[in-house]
Protein backbone atom coordinates (compact mmCIF):
# COMPACT_ATOMS: atom_id res chain seq x y z
CA MET A 1 -70.78 30.73 -48.22
CA ALA A 2 -69.06 27.34 -47.83
CA SER A 3 -70.89 24.73 -45.84
CA TYR A 4 -69.47 23.85 -42.43
CA ASN A 5 -69.18 20.16 -43.41
CA GLN A 6 -67.89 20.76 -46.92
CA CYS A 7 -64.55 19.08 -47.63
CA SER A 8 -61.88 21.06 -49.40
CA SER A 9 -58.11 21.36 -49.72
CA GLN A 10 -58.40 25.17 -49.70
CA GLU A 11 -59.87 27.74 -47.30
CA VAL A 12 -59.47 25.27 -44.46
CA GLU A 13 -59.27 26.51 -40.88
CA PHE A 14 -58.00 24.41 -38.00
CA ILE A 15 -59.35 25.19 -34.55
CA LEU A 16 -56.94 24.31 -31.73
CA THR A 17 -59.20 23.44 -28.81
CA GLY A 18 -56.55 22.90 -26.13
CA PHE A 19 -57.15 20.31 -23.41
CA ASN A 20 -60.33 18.54 -24.45
CA GLY A 21 -62.31 17.77 -21.29
CA LEU A 22 -60.46 20.31 -19.16
CA HIS A 23 -61.53 23.57 -20.81
CA GLY A 24 -62.94 24.93 -17.55
CA ILE A 25 -59.62 24.72 -15.72
CA GLN A 26 -57.06 24.77 -18.53
CA VAL A 27 -56.21 28.41 -17.83
CA TRP A 28 -54.53 27.24 -14.62
CA PHE A 29 -52.15 25.13 -16.68
CA SER A 30 -50.64 28.41 -17.87
CA ILE A 31 -48.92 28.92 -14.50
CA PRO A 32 -46.51 25.96 -14.72
CA PHE A 33 -46.08 26.51 -18.45
CA ILE A 34 -45.12 30.18 -17.92
CA ILE A 35 -42.47 28.98 -15.47
CA MET A 36 -41.35 26.39 -18.04
CA LEU A 37 -41.17 29.07 -20.75
CA LEU A 38 -39.06 31.38 -18.62
CA VAL A 39 -36.71 28.61 -17.46
CA SER A 40 -36.29 27.41 -21.06
CA LEU A 41 -35.60 30.85 -22.50
CA LEU A 42 -33.40 32.08 -19.64
CA GLY A 43 -31.49 28.80 -19.40
CA ASN A 44 -30.68 28.46 -23.09
CA ILE A 45 -29.87 32.17 -23.52
CA THR A 46 -27.52 31.96 -20.51
CA VAL A 47 -25.73 28.87 -21.85
CA LEU A 48 -25.37 30.45 -25.29
CA PHE A 49 -24.12 33.73 -23.80
CA ILE A 50 -21.52 31.98 -21.65
CA ILE A 51 -20.21 29.86 -24.53
CA VAL A 52 -20.10 32.74 -27.02
CA THR A 53 -18.42 35.26 -24.70
CA GLU A 54 -15.93 32.99 -22.92
CA ARG A 55 -12.95 32.10 -25.12
CA SER A 56 -12.02 29.24 -22.79
CA LEU A 57 -15.21 27.47 -23.93
CA HIS A 58 -14.46 27.76 -27.64
CA GLU A 59 -13.96 24.01 -27.91
CA PRO A 60 -15.81 21.30 -29.89
CA MET A 61 -17.88 19.99 -26.97
CA TYR A 62 -19.21 23.48 -26.18
CA TYR A 63 -19.86 24.19 -29.86
CA PHE A 64 -22.15 21.17 -29.88
CA ILE A 65 -23.84 22.38 -26.71
CA SER A 66 -24.41 25.80 -28.29
CA ILE A 67 -25.97 24.19 -31.38
CA LEU A 68 -28.28 22.18 -29.13
CA SER A 69 -29.21 25.28 -27.10
CA THR A 70 -29.94 27.21 -30.30
CA VAL A 71 -32.33 24.48 -31.48
CA GLU A 72 -34.06 24.40 -28.10
CA LEU A 73 -34.28 28.18 -27.88
CA PHE A 74 -35.93 28.18 -31.30
CA THR A 75 -38.37 25.49 -30.12
CA GLY A 76 -39.25 27.41 -26.96
CA VAL A 77 -39.77 30.74 -28.74
CA MET A 78 -41.90 29.12 -31.44
CA PHE A 79 -44.00 26.73 -29.36
CA LEU A 80 -44.58 27.85 -25.79
CA PRO A 81 -46.12 31.29 -26.59
CA GLN A 82 -48.63 29.53 -28.87
CA LEU A 83 -49.47 27.18 -26.02
CA LEU A 84 -50.04 30.08 -23.60
CA VAL A 85 -52.34 31.87 -26.06
CA VAL A 86 -54.58 28.79 -26.26
CA LEU A 87 -54.59 28.37 -22.47
CA TRP A 88 -55.38 32.04 -21.79
CA PHE A 89 -57.82 32.86 -24.56
CA GLY A 90 -59.35 29.48 -25.43
CA SER A 91 -59.62 27.90 -28.87
CA GLN A 92 -57.44 29.47 -31.54
CA MET A 93 -57.95 29.35 -35.31
CA LEU A 94 -55.16 28.75 -37.84
CA ASN A 95 -55.41 28.52 -41.60
CA ILE A 96 -53.94 25.47 -43.29
CA ASP A 97 -50.76 27.27 -44.38
CA SER A 98 -49.97 28.45 -40.85
CA CYS A 99 -50.78 25.02 -39.46
CA VAL A 100 -48.50 23.03 -41.78
CA THR A 101 -45.72 25.62 -41.38
CA GLN A 102 -45.91 25.27 -37.60
CA MET A 103 -45.97 21.50 -37.98
CA PHE A 104 -42.84 21.55 -40.15
CA PHE A 105 -40.77 23.68 -37.77
CA ILE A 106 -41.79 21.77 -34.64
CA TYR A 107 -40.89 18.37 -36.10
CA PHE A 108 -37.82 19.80 -37.81
CA SER A 109 -36.50 20.90 -34.41
CA ILE A 110 -37.22 17.45 -32.91
CA VAL A 111 -35.32 15.61 -35.67
CA MET A 112 -32.57 18.23 -35.51
CA GLU A 113 -32.15 17.69 -31.78
CA SER A 114 -31.97 13.92 -32.22
CA SER A 115 -29.28 14.34 -34.89
CA VAL A 116 -27.25 16.76 -32.77
CA LEU A 117 -27.37 14.31 -29.84
CA ALA A 118 -25.97 11.61 -32.16
CA LEU A 119 -23.13 13.94 -33.20
CA MET A 120 -22.43 14.70 -29.55
CA ALA A 121 -22.34 10.98 -28.78
CA TYR A 122 -19.65 10.53 -31.45
CA ASP A 123 -17.77 13.47 -29.94
CA ARG A 124 -17.85 11.84 -26.49
CA TYR A 125 -16.83 8.46 -27.97
CA THR A 126 -13.81 10.08 -29.63
CA ALA A 127 -12.85 11.93 -26.45
CA VAL A 128 -12.92 8.77 -24.31
CA CYS A 129 -11.91 6.02 -26.74
CA ARG A 130 -9.55 7.90 -29.07
CA PRO A 131 -8.23 10.79 -26.97
CA LEU A 132 -4.89 11.11 -28.81
CA LYS A 133 -6.68 11.62 -32.14
CA TYR A 134 -9.50 13.76 -30.77
CA SER A 135 -8.13 17.12 -31.93
CA SER A 136 -7.45 15.81 -35.43
CA ILE A 137 -10.91 14.21 -35.81
CA ILE A 138 -13.25 16.69 -34.07
CA THR A 139 -12.13 19.85 -35.85
CA ASN A 140 -13.99 23.08 -36.57
CA SER A 141 -14.43 21.84 -40.13
CA PHE A 142 -15.97 18.60 -38.85
CA ILE A 143 -18.40 20.54 -36.66
CA LEU A 144 -19.40 22.89 -39.51
CA LYS A 145 -19.90 20.03 -41.99
CA GLY A 146 -21.74 17.96 -39.37
CA GLY A 147 -24.04 20.88 -38.56
CA LEU A 148 -24.86 21.47 -42.23
CA ILE A 149 -25.53 17.77 -42.80
CA VAL A 150 -27.80 17.66 -39.74
CA VAL A 151 -29.80 20.67 -40.99
CA GLY A 152 -30.13 19.25 -44.51
CA ARG A 153 -31.04 15.77 -43.26
CA SER A 154 -33.66 17.09 -40.85
CA ALA A 155 -35.24 19.28 -43.54
CA CYS A 156 -35.39 16.43 -46.08
CA ILE A 157 -37.00 14.05 -43.58
CA ILE A 158 -39.63 16.56 -42.43
CA LEU A 159 -40.48 18.27 -45.74
CA PRO A 160 -43.04 15.55 -46.65
CA VAL A 161 -44.96 16.37 -43.43
CA PRO A 162 -46.52 19.63 -44.70
CA ALA A 163 -46.79 18.15 -48.19
CA ILE A 164 -48.89 15.20 -46.99
CA ALA A 165 -50.96 17.34 -44.63
CA SER A 166 -51.75 20.07 -47.17
CA SER A 167 -52.65 17.58 -49.93
CA LEU A 168 -55.59 16.08 -48.02
CA PRO A 169 -59.16 17.47 -47.98
CA TYR A 170 -60.55 18.73 -44.67
CA HIS A 171 -63.79 20.21 -43.44
CA ASN A 172 -63.84 23.98 -43.77
CA LYS A 173 -63.51 24.10 -39.98
CA SER A 174 -61.59 21.18 -38.47
CA PHE A 175 -61.15 20.77 -34.74
CA ILE A 176 -57.78 19.69 -33.35
CA ASP A 177 -57.68 18.52 -29.74
CA ASN A 178 -54.30 20.04 -28.99
CA VAL A 179 -52.53 23.37 -28.52
CA TYR A 180 -50.47 23.02 -31.72
CA CYS A 181 -50.79 21.31 -35.11
CA GLU A 182 -49.72 17.83 -34.07
CA TYR A 183 -49.18 15.55 -37.08
CA LEU A 184 -51.49 12.64 -36.21
CA ALA A 185 -54.23 14.92 -34.88
CA VAL A 186 -54.25 17.04 -38.05
CA LEU A 187 -54.26 14.08 -40.43
CA GLY A 188 -56.89 12.42 -38.26
CA ALA A 189 -59.18 15.37 -38.97
CA ALA A 190 -58.98 14.81 -42.75
CA CYS A 191 -62.10 13.81 -44.68
CA VAL A 192 -60.34 10.73 -46.02
CA ASP A 193 -58.30 8.11 -44.21
CA SER A 194 -54.89 8.30 -45.85
CA ILE A 195 -52.50 5.38 -45.48
CA LEU A 196 -49.69 7.87 -46.16
CA LYS A 197 -49.81 9.19 -42.60
CA ASP A 198 -48.99 5.78 -41.11
CA ILE A 199 -46.44 4.90 -43.80
CA TYR A 200 -44.62 8.19 -43.37
CA LEU A 201 -44.60 7.88 -39.58
CA TYR A 202 -42.65 4.62 -39.91
CA PHE A 203 -40.47 6.14 -42.65
CA ALA A 204 -39.53 9.13 -40.52
CA PHE A 205 -38.78 6.88 -37.53
CA THR A 206 -36.66 4.53 -39.68
CA PHE A 207 -34.57 7.30 -41.23
CA SER A 208 -34.22 9.70 -38.29
CA ILE A 209 -34.79 8.52 -34.72
CA LEU A 210 -33.79 4.87 -35.25
CA PRO A 211 -30.32 5.48 -36.79
CA ASP A 212 -29.63 8.26 -34.28
CA SER A 213 -30.54 6.05 -31.33
CA ILE A 214 -28.44 3.18 -32.74
CA ALA A 215 -25.44 5.51 -33.19
CA ILE A 216 -25.86 6.80 -29.63
CA PHE A 217 -26.19 3.25 -28.23
CA LEU A 218 -23.07 2.02 -30.04
CA SER A 219 -21.09 5.08 -28.96
CA TYR A 220 -21.98 4.59 -25.32
CA TYR A 221 -21.44 0.85 -25.50
CA MET A 222 -17.86 1.49 -26.64
CA ILE A 223 -17.44 4.29 -24.10
CA ILE A 224 -18.54 2.06 -21.22
CA SER A 225 -16.40 -0.83 -22.46
CA ALA A 226 -13.32 1.41 -22.70
CA THR A 227 -14.02 3.02 -19.34
CA LEU A 228 -14.32 -0.28 -17.50
CA LYS A 229 -10.88 -1.28 -18.82
CA LEU A 230 -9.20 1.71 -17.16
CA LYS A 231 -6.94 0.69 -14.31
CA THR A 232 -7.77 3.24 -11.62
CA LYS A 233 -11.09 4.28 -10.12
CA VAL A 234 -10.15 7.95 -10.57
CA ASP A 235 -9.71 7.48 -14.33
CA ARG A 236 -13.01 5.60 -14.59
CA LEU A 237 -14.88 8.31 -12.68
CA LYS A 238 -13.28 11.01 -14.84
CA ALA A 239 -14.36 9.22 -18.02
CA PHE A 240 -17.93 8.73 -16.77
CA HIS A 241 -18.09 12.39 -15.67
CA THR A 242 -17.02 13.46 -19.17
CA CYS A 243 -20.16 11.86 -20.59
CA SER A 244 -22.64 12.23 -17.72
CA SER A 245 -24.23 15.52 -18.82
CA HIS A 246 -24.76 14.27 -22.36
CA ALA A 247 -26.18 10.97 -21.05
CA PHE A 248 -28.78 12.81 -18.92
CA VAL A 249 -29.75 14.97 -21.91
CA ILE A 250 -30.21 11.86 -24.08
CA LEU A 251 -32.40 10.24 -21.44
CA SER A 252 -34.62 13.32 -21.08
CA PHE A 253 -35.10 13.53 -24.87
CA TYR A 254 -35.72 9.88 -25.70
CA LEU A 255 -37.68 8.90 -22.59
CA SER A 256 -40.05 11.85 -22.92
CA GLY A 257 -40.40 11.11 -26.65
CA ALA A 258 -41.09 7.41 -26.14
CA LEU A 259 -43.67 8.11 -23.44
CA SER A 260 -45.33 10.81 -25.54
CA LEU A 261 -45.51 8.57 -28.62
CA ALA A 262 -46.96 5.69 -26.60
CA ILE A 263 -49.68 7.96 -25.17
CA ILE A 264 -50.49 9.52 -28.58
CA LEU A 265 -50.74 6.13 -30.29
CA SER A 266 -53.06 4.86 -27.55
CA LYS A 267 -55.85 6.68 -29.47
CA ASN A 268 -59.20 6.22 -27.70
CA THR A 269 -57.94 4.21 -24.73
CA LEU A 270 -56.94 7.36 -22.80
CA PRO A 271 -58.60 10.78 -22.37
CA ALA A 272 -57.77 13.29 -25.12
CA TYR A 273 -56.30 15.77 -22.64
CA LEU A 274 -53.68 13.23 -21.54
CA ARG A 275 -52.51 12.82 -25.13
CA THR A 276 -52.31 16.61 -25.42
CA ILE A 277 -50.35 16.98 -22.17
CA PHE A 278 -47.78 14.33 -23.08
CA SER A 279 -47.33 15.64 -26.62
CA ILE A 280 -46.57 19.05 -25.07
CA LEU A 281 -44.14 17.61 -22.52
CA HIS A 282 -42.03 15.93 -25.20
CA ILE A 283 -41.51 19.29 -26.89
CA SER A 284 -41.07 21.38 -23.75
CA ILE A 285 -39.10 19.14 -21.35
CA PRO A 286 -35.74 18.95 -23.22
CA PRO A 287 -35.44 22.76 -23.72
CA ILE A 288 -36.07 23.18 -19.98
CA LEU A 289 -33.89 20.39 -18.58
CA ASN A 290 -30.90 20.55 -20.92
CA PRO A 291 -29.54 23.98 -19.94
CA VAL A 292 -30.13 23.10 -16.29
CA ILE A 293 -28.23 19.81 -16.73
CA TYR A 294 -25.32 21.46 -18.53
CA GLY A 295 -25.29 24.35 -16.07
CA ILE A 296 -25.12 22.07 -13.04
CA LYS A 297 -23.20 19.02 -14.26
CA ASN A 298 -20.55 20.92 -16.23
CA LYS A 299 -18.26 22.51 -13.65
CA GLU A 300 -16.72 25.01 -16.09
CA VAL A 301 -20.09 26.29 -17.31
CA LEU A 302 -21.40 26.45 -13.73
CA ARG A 303 -18.29 28.33 -12.56
CA LEU A 304 -18.65 30.91 -15.33
CA ILE A 305 -22.38 31.35 -14.71
CA LEU A 306 -21.75 31.95 -11.00
CA MET A 307 -18.93 34.35 -11.86
CA HIS A 308 -21.21 36.43 -14.11
CA LEU A 309 -23.98 36.40 -11.49
CA LYS A 310 -21.47 37.65 -8.91
CA LYS A 311 -20.42 40.47 -11.26
CA ILE A 312 -24.06 41.46 -11.79
CA ARG A 313 -24.67 41.45 -8.03
CA ASN A 314 -21.58 43.57 -7.37
CA ILE A 315 -22.57 46.10 -10.04
CA ARG A 316 -26.08 46.28 -8.60
CA PHE A 317 -24.94 46.88 -5.02
CA SER A 318 -22.21 49.33 -6.04
CA LYS A 319 -24.79 51.79 -7.44
């Protein structure tokens, strides 16, 4: 039988311990996270249903919203049940293949969301700054090609993550202070200190989040500049309203990500459970807030949601 402390690249099992230091009360964390799971799933399914079934919403902006909701629905289905299992039943064991697969899909969805937000920023820039050419630029072909490029780009950037993680030797049983296979935590459990983990972290940031955030910043800089040049207050408010939902979504994604990264990189200066909580929030907050933002801020989506709810209520009371 293999020794507990033996290092190997095979037959490795990762033990997800949950909230280190809060094991006695972590089951109570399941209550808010169940609510978060239900809001995320219900919200994104509702937005997708409304966009797919209503022909009046078959427009570029709503196609982008549906892509974003699909990514977030995938994230919620994949991540939050795993979190609840750890909170309800305690430490969970994953083999190395399951761990690196989970790691790939979680980070793939994060990069994918960042890329989709950049595409949506270009869409909003075109709508505000080049309205007469909008229909000729943002076509169905553009959306399809943009979606395929985003998927391919996200996969290429994240593929080295499981490759680096699976190439390192670990103890036969390695403990991870988290509820999922978080990149830095997994590589931190390796028997050797690999410089690749730090190099690739900067590489991934340089080729994914940084260009996306620059593209979003430039788009909104030009949008604000063009909006301020409009003559009437009504036109300015209309232009700002066109972009307000997307702007709130961007803020929820990047602010939660920046805060989470800062907490994770703090290493030993903060309790382990805080790093776990903030790494969870970065993954779970956008899928929860985004459908709420689009459902409330977008009058057409809100109107259609209320209309369907009224139909359901009428059918229920007519029985």
